[in-house]
N, C-alpha and C. Protein backbone atom coordinates (compact mmCIF):
# COMPACT_ATOMS: atom_id res chain seq x y z
N MET A 1 -20.60 -72.22 -118.29
CA MET A 1 -20.71 -70.81 -119.18
C MET A 1 -19.62 -71.05 -120.31
N LEU A 2 -20.07 -70.59 -121.91
CA LEU A 2 -19.30 -70.79 -122.75
C LEU A 2 -18.53 -68.92 -122.91
N ARG A 3 -17.25 -68.73 -123.01
CA ARG A 3 -17.16 -67.88 -122.28
C ARG A 3 -16.43 -66.67 -123.90
N GLY A 4 -16.95 -65.69 -124.68
CA GLY A 4 -15.90 -65.09 -125.19
C GLY A 4 -15.16 -64.20 -124.73
N GLN A 5 -15.17 -62.94 -125.91
CA GLN A 5 -13.98 -61.94 -125.18
C GLN A 5 -15.12 -60.88 -124.49
N ARG A 6 -16.40 -60.82 -125.33
CA ARG A 6 -17.19 -59.67 -124.53
C ARG A 6 -18.72 -60.46 -124.16
N VAL A 7 -19.00 -61.67 -125.07
CA VAL A 7 -20.19 -62.40 -124.55
C VAL A 7 -20.04 -63.70 -123.88
N GLY A 8 -21.00 -64.54 -123.42
CA GLY A 8 -21.27 -65.59 -122.86
C GLY A 8 -22.74 -66.40 -123.44
N LEU A 9 -22.45 -67.64 -123.50
CA LEU A 9 -23.55 -68.33 -123.62
C LEU A 9 -24.07 -69.12 -122.75
N ARG A 10 -25.13 -69.62 -122.38
CA ARG A 10 -25.24 -70.25 -120.95
C ARG A 10 -26.79 -70.81 -121.07
N HIS A 11 -27.07 -71.99 -120.50
CA HIS A 11 -28.34 -72.54 -120.72
C HIS A 11 -29.59 -71.52 -120.10
N VAL A 12 -30.62 -71.77 -120.26
CA VAL A 12 -31.77 -70.87 -119.13
C VAL A 12 -32.10 -71.24 -118.25
N THR A 13 -32.00 -70.56 -117.19
CA THR A 13 -32.69 -71.22 -115.41
C THR A 13 -33.78 -70.44 -115.67
N GLU A 14 -34.31 -70.74 -114.44
CA GLU A 14 -35.88 -70.50 -114.00
C GLU A 14 -35.92 -69.14 -113.97
N ASP A 15 -34.93 -68.26 -112.95
CA ASP A 15 -35.04 -66.71 -113.40
C ASP A 15 -34.81 -65.98 -114.85
N ASP A 16 -34.81 -66.76 -115.87
CA ASP A 16 -34.64 -66.31 -117.05
C ASP A 16 -36.22 -66.11 -117.69
N LEU A 17 -37.07 -67.09 -116.91
CA LEU A 17 -38.49 -67.05 -117.77
C LEU A 17 -39.56 -65.45 -117.90
N PRO A 18 -39.23 -64.77 -116.80
CA PRO A 18 -39.67 -63.25 -117.33
C PRO A 18 -38.96 -62.95 -118.37
N TRP A 19 -37.89 -62.75 -118.70
CA TRP A 19 -37.17 -62.14 -119.82
C TRP A 19 -37.38 -62.86 -121.40
N LEU A 20 -37.65 -64.00 -121.16
CA LEU A 20 -38.46 -65.06 -122.29
C LEU A 20 -39.66 -64.68 -122.50
N LYS A 21 -40.28 -64.87 -121.69
CA LYS A 21 -42.00 -64.46 -122.10
C LYS A 21 -41.64 -63.30 -122.56
N ARG A 22 -41.07 -62.39 -121.89
CA ARG A 22 -41.32 -60.61 -122.70
C ARG A 22 -40.35 -60.62 -124.23
N THR A 23 -39.37 -61.36 -123.98
CA THR A 23 -38.57 -61.51 -125.67
C THR A 23 -39.64 -61.91 -126.97
N THR A 24 -40.34 -63.39 -126.28
CA THR A 24 -40.68 -64.09 -127.46
C THR A 24 -42.46 -63.63 -127.54
N GLY A 25 -42.75 -63.06 -126.84
CA GLY A 25 -43.62 -62.48 -126.86
C GLY A 25 -44.50 -61.25 -127.56
N ASP A 26 -42.99 -60.25 -127.64
CA ASP A 26 -43.25 -58.99 -128.57
C ASP A 26 -42.40 -59.07 -129.84
N PRO A 27 -43.49 -58.82 -130.74
CA PRO A 27 -42.88 -58.61 -132.13
C PRO A 27 -41.87 -57.49 -132.41
N GLN A 28 -41.90 -56.22 -131.74
CA GLN A 28 -41.30 -55.19 -131.62
C GLN A 28 -39.37 -55.78 -131.27
N ILE A 29 -39.56 -56.52 -130.56
CA ILE A 29 -37.95 -56.87 -129.93
C ILE A 29 -37.44 -57.85 -130.83
N ARG A 30 -38.39 -58.71 -131.48
CA ARG A 30 -37.83 -59.61 -132.38
C ARG A 30 -37.45 -59.36 -133.69
N GLY A 31 -38.00 -57.61 -133.96
CA GLY A 31 -37.69 -57.27 -135.40
C GLY A 31 -38.14 -57.60 -136.52
N PRO A 32 -38.02 -56.92 -137.44
CA PRO A 32 -38.82 -57.01 -138.71
C PRO A 32 -38.47 -58.56 -139.75
N PHE A 33 -37.65 -58.98 -139.05
CA PHE A 33 -37.65 -60.30 -140.46
C PHE A 33 -37.87 -61.33 -139.69
N MET A 34 -37.86 -61.30 -138.51
CA MET A 34 -38.34 -63.06 -137.54
C MET A 34 -40.03 -63.01 -137.88
N GLY A 35 -40.69 -64.13 -137.48
CA GLY A 35 -42.13 -64.53 -137.96
C GLY A 35 -42.76 -63.89 -136.85
N THR A 36 -43.65 -63.36 -136.85
CA THR A 36 -44.39 -62.14 -136.12
C THR A 36 -45.31 -62.80 -135.04
N ARG A 37 -45.16 -64.14 -135.64
CA ARG A 37 -46.58 -65.23 -134.34
C ARG A 37 -45.68 -64.90 -132.84
N MET A 38 -46.30 -64.71 -131.80
CA MET A 38 -46.04 -64.51 -130.58
C MET A 38 -45.82 -65.78 -129.90
N MET A 39 -45.17 -66.02 -129.04
CA MET A 39 -45.08 -67.25 -127.91
C MET A 39 -45.95 -66.62 -127.00
N THR A 40 -46.85 -67.67 -126.46
CA THR A 40 -47.36 -67.50 -124.95
C THR A 40 -46.73 -67.22 -123.82
N PRO A 41 -46.93 -66.63 -122.79
CA PRO A 41 -46.58 -67.57 -121.87
C PRO A 41 -46.76 -68.69 -121.53
N HIS A 42 -47.60 -69.24 -121.40
CA HIS A 42 -47.88 -70.92 -121.11
C HIS A 42 -47.13 -71.26 -121.75
N THR A 43 -46.60 -71.24 -123.15
CA THR A 43 -45.79 -72.18 -123.82
C THR A 43 -44.57 -71.99 -123.20
N VAL A 44 -43.65 -71.18 -122.80
CA VAL A 44 -42.61 -70.61 -121.89
C VAL A 44 -42.24 -71.53 -121.17
N GLU A 45 -43.76 -71.38 -120.23
CA GLU A 45 -43.74 -72.32 -119.15
C GLU A 45 -43.32 -73.78 -119.44
N GLN A 46 -44.19 -74.17 -120.59
CA GLN A 46 -44.60 -75.37 -120.58
C GLN A 46 -43.32 -76.16 -121.19
N ARG A 47 -42.33 -75.00 -122.18
CA ARG A 47 -41.24 -75.75 -122.39
C ARG A 47 -39.88 -75.75 -121.52
N TRP A 48 -40.00 -74.94 -120.59
CA TRP A 48 -39.02 -74.95 -119.30
C TRP A 48 -39.40 -76.35 -118.48
N LYS A 49 -40.69 -76.42 -117.85
CA LYS A 49 -40.79 -78.10 -117.57
C LYS A 49 -40.80 -79.08 -118.40
N ASP A 50 -41.01 -79.24 -119.93
CA ASP A 50 -40.47 -80.53 -120.25
C ASP A 50 -39.04 -80.65 -120.61
N ASN A 51 -37.95 -79.68 -120.78
CA ASN A 51 -37.24 -80.09 -120.81
C ASN A 51 -35.73 -78.69 -120.18
N GLY A 52 -36.26 -77.84 -120.14
CA GLY A 52 -35.34 -76.80 -120.06
C GLY A 52 -34.52 -75.97 -120.52
N PHE A 53 -36.07 -75.91 -122.20
CA PHE A 53 -35.13 -75.52 -123.63
C PHE A 53 -33.63 -76.05 -124.08
N SER A 54 -33.73 -77.47 -123.55
CA SER A 54 -32.47 -77.81 -123.80
C SER A 54 -32.48 -79.68 -124.10
N GLY A 55 -32.46 -80.20 -125.35
CA GLY A 55 -32.90 -81.34 -125.47
C GLY A 55 -32.13 -81.87 -126.68
N GLU A 56 -32.18 -83.17 -127.31
CA GLU A 56 -31.50 -83.60 -128.51
C GLU A 56 -31.72 -82.97 -130.15
N ASP A 57 -33.42 -82.70 -129.95
CA ASP A 57 -34.06 -81.91 -130.91
C ASP A 57 -33.47 -80.57 -130.81
N ALA A 58 -33.73 -79.87 -129.83
CA ALA A 58 -33.21 -78.37 -129.92
C ALA A 58 -33.02 -77.71 -128.44
N GLU A 59 -32.17 -76.66 -128.95
CA GLU A 59 -30.99 -76.17 -127.40
C GLU A 59 -31.27 -74.84 -127.46
N ARG A 60 -32.14 -74.21 -126.56
CA ARG A 60 -31.44 -72.69 -126.75
C ARG A 60 -30.72 -71.63 -125.65
N LEU A 61 -29.37 -71.17 -125.84
CA LEU A 61 -28.56 -70.83 -125.15
C LEU A 61 -28.60 -69.39 -124.67
N LEU A 62 -28.80 -68.65 -123.63
CA LEU A 62 -28.79 -67.30 -123.41
C LEU A 62 -27.63 -66.67 -123.77
N ILE A 63 -27.46 -65.79 -124.60
CA ILE A 63 -26.28 -64.64 -124.67
C ILE A 63 -25.90 -63.32 -123.37
N CYS A 64 -25.34 -63.63 -122.59
CA CYS A 64 -24.80 -62.77 -121.84
C CYS A 64 -23.68 -61.96 -121.99
N HIS A 65 -24.25 -60.70 -121.44
CA HIS A 65 -22.82 -59.51 -121.61
C HIS A 65 -21.82 -60.14 -120.46
N LEU A 66 -20.66 -60.36 -120.71
CA LEU A 66 -19.78 -60.27 -119.83
C LEU A 66 -19.43 -58.92 -119.10
N LEU A 67 -20.02 -58.12 -119.38
CA LEU A 67 -19.52 -56.90 -118.26
C LEU A 67 -20.22 -56.79 -117.05
N ASP A 68 -21.48 -56.77 -117.44
CA ASP A 68 -22.33 -57.35 -116.45
C ASP A 68 -23.61 -58.43 -115.87
N GLY A 69 -23.35 -59.28 -117.26
CA GLY A 69 -23.89 -60.61 -116.61
C GLY A 69 -25.23 -60.53 -117.62
N SER A 70 -25.67 -59.15 -117.69
CA SER A 70 -27.15 -59.41 -117.93
C SER A 70 -27.37 -60.09 -119.49
N VAL A 71 -28.96 -60.67 -119.91
CA VAL A 71 -29.22 -61.20 -120.72
C VAL A 71 -29.43 -60.21 -121.85
N ILE A 72 -29.09 -60.63 -123.65
CA ILE A 72 -28.82 -59.50 -124.08
C ILE A 72 -29.75 -60.32 -125.90
N GLY A 73 -29.76 -61.58 -125.69
CA GLY A 73 -30.08 -62.29 -126.68
C GLY A 73 -30.26 -63.71 -126.30
N ASP A 74 -30.46 -64.81 -127.73
CA ASP A 74 -30.23 -65.81 -127.42
C ASP A 74 -29.62 -66.20 -128.71
N VAL A 75 -29.12 -67.27 -128.75
CA VAL A 75 -28.71 -68.23 -129.79
C VAL A 75 -29.59 -70.00 -129.82
N MET A 76 -29.50 -70.77 -130.52
CA MET A 76 -30.16 -71.67 -130.67
C MET A 76 -30.02 -72.89 -132.16
N HIS A 77 -29.91 -74.21 -131.50
CA HIS A 77 -30.05 -74.75 -132.24
C HIS A 77 -30.81 -75.88 -132.50
N PHE A 78 -31.12 -76.61 -133.67
CA PHE A 78 -31.90 -77.86 -133.72
C PHE A 78 -31.81 -78.62 -134.96
N THR A 79 -32.85 -79.58 -135.09
CA THR A 79 -32.20 -80.68 -135.70
C THR A 79 -33.11 -80.15 -137.15
N ALA A 80 -31.51 -80.21 -138.30
CA ALA A 80 -32.38 -79.55 -139.59
C ALA A 80 -33.50 -80.47 -140.70
N ALA A 81 -32.88 -81.83 -140.56
CA ALA A 81 -33.72 -82.77 -141.08
C ALA A 81 -33.60 -84.31 -140.19
N ARG A 82 -34.49 -84.54 -140.23
CA ARG A 82 -34.93 -85.87 -139.36
C ARG A 82 -33.68 -87.03 -139.91
N TYR A 83 -33.45 -86.93 -140.89
CA TYR A 83 -32.56 -87.68 -141.62
C TYR A 83 -31.31 -87.54 -141.49
N THR A 84 -30.52 -86.56 -141.48
CA THR A 84 -29.14 -86.02 -140.85
C THR A 84 -28.53 -85.76 -139.07
N THR A 85 -27.44 -85.79 -139.47
CA THR A 85 -26.71 -85.32 -137.96
C THR A 85 -26.69 -83.63 -138.53
N ALA A 86 -27.20 -83.08 -139.73
CA ALA A 86 -27.17 -81.55 -139.35
C ALA A 86 -27.47 -80.60 -138.77
N ARG A 87 -27.39 -79.71 -138.37
CA ARG A 87 -28.17 -78.65 -137.15
C ARG A 87 -28.32 -77.54 -138.17
N GLU A 88 -29.34 -76.82 -137.68
CA GLU A 88 -29.83 -75.35 -137.93
C GLU A 88 -29.34 -74.36 -136.60
N ILE A 89 -28.51 -73.67 -137.19
CA ILE A 89 -28.65 -72.28 -135.76
C ILE A 89 -29.16 -70.99 -136.36
N GLY A 90 -29.55 -70.34 -135.01
CA GLY A 90 -30.12 -68.87 -135.28
C GLY A 90 -29.91 -68.53 -134.22
N TRP A 91 -29.99 -66.76 -134.09
CA TRP A 91 -29.56 -65.93 -133.22
C TRP A 91 -30.66 -64.54 -133.13
N THR A 92 -30.51 -64.25 -131.93
CA THR A 92 -31.18 -63.22 -131.90
C THR A 92 -30.61 -62.20 -130.83
N LEU A 93 -30.45 -60.79 -131.09
CA LEU A 93 -30.08 -59.44 -130.31
C LEU A 93 -31.31 -59.13 -129.24
N ALA A 94 -32.20 -59.17 -128.54
CA ALA A 94 -33.21 -58.94 -128.41
C ALA A 94 -32.91 -57.06 -127.88
N ASP A 95 -31.90 -56.74 -127.27
CA ASP A 95 -31.22 -55.57 -127.14
C ASP A 95 -30.91 -54.79 -128.55
N VAL A 96 -32.02 -54.42 -128.44
CA VAL A 96 -31.57 -53.44 -129.63
C VAL A 96 -30.53 -52.51 -129.50
N ALA A 97 -30.10 -51.51 -128.33
CA ALA A 97 -29.04 -50.76 -128.04
C ALA A 97 -27.42 -51.56 -128.57
N MET A 98 -27.87 -53.47 -128.33
CA MET A 98 -26.60 -54.09 -128.59
C MET A 98 -26.01 -54.13 -129.82
N ARG A 99 -27.07 -54.04 -131.09
CA ARG A 99 -27.03 -54.61 -132.10
C ARG A 99 -25.97 -53.49 -132.96
N GLY A 100 -24.85 -54.33 -133.99
CA GLY A 100 -24.13 -53.72 -134.51
C GLY A 100 -22.75 -53.46 -134.24
N GLN A 101 -22.51 -54.00 -133.18
CA GLN A 101 -21.06 -54.14 -132.45
C GLN A 101 -20.57 -55.46 -132.25
N GLY A 102 -20.85 -56.61 -133.16
CA GLY A 102 -20.25 -57.56 -133.27
C GLY A 102 -20.32 -58.28 -132.22
N LEU A 103 -20.95 -58.36 -131.52
CA LEU A 103 -22.21 -59.45 -130.35
C LEU A 103 -22.40 -60.72 -130.85
N ALA A 104 -23.92 -60.36 -131.80
CA ALA A 104 -23.95 -61.67 -132.32
C ALA A 104 -22.89 -62.48 -133.25
N THR A 105 -21.95 -62.05 -133.84
CA THR A 105 -20.93 -62.47 -134.53
C THR A 105 -20.15 -63.50 -133.68
N GLU A 106 -20.19 -62.84 -132.47
CA GLU A 106 -19.17 -63.71 -131.21
C GLU A 106 -20.13 -64.50 -130.78
N ALA A 107 -21.33 -64.17 -130.44
CA ALA A 107 -22.17 -65.18 -129.89
C ALA A 107 -22.07 -66.39 -131.12
N ALA A 108 -23.03 -66.00 -132.31
CA ALA A 108 -22.76 -67.50 -132.81
C ALA A 108 -21.30 -68.33 -133.58
N SER A 109 -20.32 -67.16 -133.30
CA SER A 109 -19.07 -67.99 -133.43
C SER A 109 -19.04 -69.21 -132.24
N LEU A 110 -19.29 -68.85 -130.96
CA LEU A 110 -19.64 -69.35 -129.86
C LEU A 110 -20.16 -70.67 -130.02
N LEU A 111 -21.20 -70.80 -130.55
CA LEU A 111 -22.50 -71.93 -130.92
C LEU A 111 -21.92 -72.61 -131.77
N VAL A 112 -20.84 -72.48 -132.88
CA VAL A 112 -20.73 -73.15 -134.08
C VAL A 112 -19.62 -74.04 -133.55
N ASP A 113 -18.46 -73.09 -132.69
CA ASP A 113 -17.24 -74.03 -131.88
C ASP A 113 -18.27 -75.17 -130.81
N TYR A 114 -18.95 -74.43 -130.34
CA TYR A 114 -19.63 -75.65 -129.34
C TYR A 114 -20.16 -77.11 -129.85
N LEU A 115 -20.95 -76.38 -131.09
CA LEU A 115 -21.65 -77.51 -131.72
C LEU A 115 -20.48 -78.91 -132.35
N PHE A 116 -19.76 -78.14 -132.91
CA PHE A 116 -18.51 -78.62 -133.97
C PHE A 116 -17.48 -79.55 -132.76
N GLU A 117 -17.22 -79.00 -132.03
CA GLU A 117 -16.49 -79.67 -130.57
C GLU A 117 -17.67 -80.50 -130.13
N ASN A 118 -18.77 -80.89 -129.41
CA ASN A 118 -19.26 -81.41 -128.58
C ASN A 118 -20.13 -82.23 -129.56
N TRP A 119 -20.84 -81.64 -130.63
CA TRP A 119 -21.43 -82.68 -131.70
C TRP A 119 -21.02 -83.59 -132.30
N PRO A 120 -21.87 -84.55 -132.87
CA PRO A 120 -21.36 -85.59 -134.04
C PRO A 120 -22.13 -85.04 -135.11
N VAL A 121 -21.99 -83.22 -135.82
CA VAL A 121 -22.37 -82.89 -136.57
C VAL A 121 -21.29 -82.95 -137.91
N ASN A 122 -21.75 -83.09 -139.25
CA ASN A 122 -20.77 -82.44 -140.53
C ASN A 122 -21.32 -81.36 -140.77
N ARG A 123 -22.55 -81.04 -140.51
CA ARG A 123 -23.16 -79.72 -141.37
C ARG A 123 -23.95 -78.77 -140.32
N LEU A 124 -23.80 -77.32 -140.69
CA LEU A 124 -24.66 -76.62 -139.45
C LEU A 124 -24.99 -75.60 -141.08
N SER A 125 -26.41 -75.20 -140.83
CA SER A 125 -27.11 -74.48 -141.84
C SER A 125 -27.87 -73.31 -140.88
N CYS A 126 -27.98 -72.04 -141.84
CA CYS A 126 -28.78 -71.30 -141.03
C CYS A 126 -29.74 -70.21 -142.77
N GLY A 127 -31.10 -69.57 -141.73
CA GLY A 127 -31.40 -68.85 -143.13
C GLY A 127 -32.05 -67.52 -142.58
N MET A 128 -31.83 -66.73 -143.25
CA MET A 128 -32.63 -65.65 -142.86
C MET A 128 -33.22 -64.68 -144.02
N SER A 129 -34.04 -63.70 -143.99
CA SER A 129 -34.68 -63.07 -144.80
C SER A 129 -33.40 -62.30 -145.61
N VAL A 130 -34.04 -62.41 -147.09
CA VAL A 130 -33.17 -61.51 -148.04
C VAL A 130 -33.06 -60.74 -147.91
N HIS A 131 -33.94 -59.45 -146.84
CA HIS A 131 -33.78 -58.06 -146.49
C HIS A 131 -32.75 -58.00 -145.18
N ASN A 132 -32.30 -59.01 -144.71
CA ASN A 132 -31.54 -58.94 -143.46
C ASN A 132 -30.16 -58.99 -143.63
N HIS A 133 -29.81 -58.04 -144.22
CA HIS A 133 -28.25 -57.99 -144.72
C HIS A 133 -27.59 -58.13 -143.11
N ALA A 134 -27.79 -57.93 -142.00
CA ALA A 134 -26.94 -57.85 -141.22
C ALA A 134 -26.37 -59.82 -140.56
N SER A 135 -27.98 -60.11 -140.41
CA SER A 135 -27.71 -61.49 -140.25
C SER A 135 -26.50 -62.38 -141.08
N ARG A 136 -26.94 -62.21 -142.39
CA ARG A 136 -26.14 -62.67 -143.70
C ARG A 136 -24.39 -62.19 -143.44
N ARG A 137 -24.36 -61.37 -142.64
CA ARG A 137 -23.25 -61.02 -142.36
C ARG A 137 -22.55 -61.84 -141.34
N VAL A 138 -23.14 -61.75 -140.43
CA VAL A 138 -23.01 -62.40 -139.15
C VAL A 138 -22.62 -64.18 -139.72
N ALA A 139 -23.73 -64.80 -140.54
CA ALA A 139 -23.18 -66.16 -140.89
C ALA A 139 -21.73 -65.19 -141.77
N GLU A 140 -21.85 -65.18 -142.43
CA GLU A 140 -20.34 -65.11 -143.33
C GLU A 140 -19.40 -64.71 -142.31
N LYS A 141 -19.39 -63.72 -141.65
CA LYS A 141 -18.57 -63.93 -140.62
C LYS A 141 -17.79 -65.06 -139.79
N CYS A 142 -18.60 -65.64 -139.50
CA CYS A 142 -18.91 -67.20 -138.96
C CYS A 142 -18.01 -68.23 -139.78
N GLY A 143 -18.11 -68.00 -141.21
CA GLY A 143 -17.40 -69.07 -142.08
C GLY A 143 -18.70 -69.72 -142.95
N PHE A 144 -19.77 -69.27 -142.39
CA PHE A 144 -21.13 -69.84 -143.63
C PHE A 144 -21.13 -69.22 -145.09
N LYS A 145 -20.78 -70.58 -145.90
CA LYS A 145 -20.91 -70.18 -147.33
C LYS A 145 -22.46 -70.13 -147.82
N HIS A 146 -23.03 -68.86 -148.85
CA HIS A 146 -24.41 -68.80 -149.89
C HIS A 146 -24.43 -70.28 -150.60
N GLU A 147 -25.28 -70.55 -150.23
CA GLU A 147 -25.87 -71.69 -150.91
C GLU A 147 -27.23 -71.26 -151.94
N GLY A 148 -27.88 -70.36 -151.53
CA GLY A 148 -28.91 -69.99 -152.57
C GLY A 148 -29.89 -69.06 -151.71
N VAL A 149 -31.47 -69.06 -152.73
CA VAL A 149 -32.22 -68.42 -151.85
C VAL A 149 -33.70 -69.47 -151.93
N GLN A 150 -33.88 -69.80 -150.44
CA GLN A 150 -35.45 -70.57 -150.89
C GLN A 150 -36.86 -69.34 -150.88
N ARG A 151 -37.35 -69.85 -151.84
CA ARG A 151 -38.28 -68.69 -152.22
C ARG A 151 -39.46 -68.85 -151.33
N GLY A 152 -39.88 -68.14 -150.51
CA GLY A 152 -41.33 -68.32 -149.98
C GLY A 152 -41.43 -68.87 -149.13
N ILE A 153 -40.01 -69.23 -148.23
CA ILE A 153 -39.95 -70.12 -146.91
C ILE A 153 -40.52 -69.57 -145.70
N VAL A 154 -40.63 -68.33 -145.07
CA VAL A 154 -40.80 -67.97 -143.71
C VAL A 154 -42.22 -66.85 -144.11
N PHE A 155 -43.10 -66.97 -142.86
CA PHE A 155 -44.34 -66.32 -142.83
C PHE A 155 -44.21 -65.14 -142.01
N VAL A 156 -44.17 -63.65 -142.43
CA VAL A 156 -43.51 -62.62 -141.76
C VAL A 156 -44.73 -61.41 -141.82
N ALA A 157 -45.17 -61.23 -140.83
CA ALA A 157 -46.29 -59.45 -141.29
C ALA A 157 -47.25 -60.04 -142.15
N GLY A 158 -47.76 -61.46 -142.60
CA GLY A 158 -48.71 -61.74 -143.57
C GLY A 158 -48.34 -61.70 -145.01
N GLU A 159 -46.92 -62.04 -144.98
CA GLU A 159 -46.89 -62.46 -146.03
C GLU A 159 -45.23 -63.63 -146.51
N TYR A 160 -45.26 -63.94 -147.56
CA TYR A 160 -44.28 -65.10 -147.22
C TYR A 160 -42.84 -64.59 -147.84
N VAL A 161 -41.73 -64.73 -147.23
CA VAL A 161 -40.42 -63.97 -147.76
C VAL A 161 -39.47 -65.02 -147.63
N ASP A 162 -38.73 -64.67 -149.02
CA ASP A 162 -37.99 -65.37 -149.20
C ASP A 162 -36.10 -65.16 -148.27
N CYS A 163 -35.74 -66.77 -148.30
CA CYS A 163 -34.53 -66.27 -147.29
C CYS A 163 -33.16 -66.72 -147.71
N HIS A 164 -32.10 -66.45 -147.62
CA HIS A 164 -30.91 -66.73 -148.06
C HIS A 164 -30.96 -67.84 -147.16
N SER A 165 -29.97 -69.15 -148.01
CA SER A 165 -29.65 -70.38 -147.01
C SER A 165 -28.39 -70.27 -146.98
N LEU A 166 -27.41 -70.65 -146.24
CA LEU A 166 -26.12 -70.83 -145.89
C LEU A 166 -25.32 -71.96 -144.84
N SER A 167 -24.53 -72.40 -145.22
CA SER A 167 -23.70 -73.63 -144.67
C SER A 167 -22.67 -73.64 -144.19
N LEU A 168 -21.98 -74.29 -142.72
CA LEU A 168 -20.62 -74.23 -143.09
C LEU A 168 -20.62 -75.65 -142.80
N LEU A 169 -19.59 -76.60 -142.87
CA LEU A 169 -19.19 -77.66 -143.04
C LEU A 169 -17.95 -77.75 -142.17
N ARG A 170 -18.21 -79.41 -141.60
CA ARG A 170 -16.81 -78.92 -140.19
C ARG A 170 -15.73 -79.28 -141.12
N SER A 171 -15.52 -79.59 -141.91
CA SER A 171 -14.43 -79.54 -142.97
C SER A 171 -13.58 -78.11 -142.91
N ASP A 172 -14.86 -77.16 -143.42
CA ASP A 172 -14.40 -75.38 -143.13
C ASP A 172 -13.82 -75.22 -142.42
N TRP A 173 -14.65 -75.38 -140.60
CA TRP A 173 -14.66 -75.09 -139.51
C TRP A 173 -13.00 -75.50 -139.08
N LEU A 174 -12.65 -76.51 -139.70
CA LEU A 174 -11.73 -77.38 -139.06
C LEU A 174 -10.23 -76.55 -140.13
N ALA A 175 -10.63 -76.27 -141.19
CA ALA A 175 -9.90 -75.20 -141.92
C ALA A 175 -9.86 -73.98 -141.43
N MET A 176 -10.94 -73.04 -141.03
CA MET A 176 -10.98 -71.55 -140.47
C MET A 176 -10.08 -72.05 -139.19
N LYS A 177 -9.98 -72.99 -138.56
CA LYS A 177 -9.29 -73.31 -136.85
C LYS A 177 -7.60 -73.45 -137.22
N GLY A 178 -7.38 -73.85 -138.71
CA GLY A 178 -5.94 -74.71 -138.74
C GLY A 178 -5.69 -75.55 -138.39
N ARG A 179 -7.11 -76.50 -138.00
CA ARG A 179 -6.58 -78.19 -137.80
C ARG A 179 -7.01 -78.95 -138.97
N SER A 180 -7.28 -80.09 -138.88
CA SER A 180 -7.06 -81.22 -140.07
C SER A 180 -7.79 -82.11 -139.36
N GLU A 181 -8.80 -83.17 -140.41
CA GLU A 181 -9.63 -84.08 -139.97
C GLU A 181 -9.00 -85.39 -139.34
């Protein structure tokens, strides 16, 4: 497990499948800014059987509260474009009561460090609805720089919405950590 001060990140286990089925199949838990298309329980089972939610193309890690070990959300990274080593990242705090406490920032920061320390990537990117001010703040606290707005890129609740596009380069991350290349 990757450990921060209040949260940790770990791989999905078979015991987590009921939690994943519940959270990926409930638009209320996912919130108003993510796609409202639900993942079926069968799809969760199939992805577990295929690769345990961990592979070269994509990896999902669960956010665990270190006080009691409970799963409160997830982070993921996936190939941003087939012709680059760039990765796109995302995060979700499924436990609404835990939002607004800096836990998503801590989890996203753990994921950023994990990727730059263990994967041959030069660029990380993330995107969120222009209305999702909390997620943009998480990205900025992790050092991501705003690059612009992608118009009509995500389909949410029957309409296409614009999203902020942010990125973090390895050189930016190294400078934040006080390291050089």
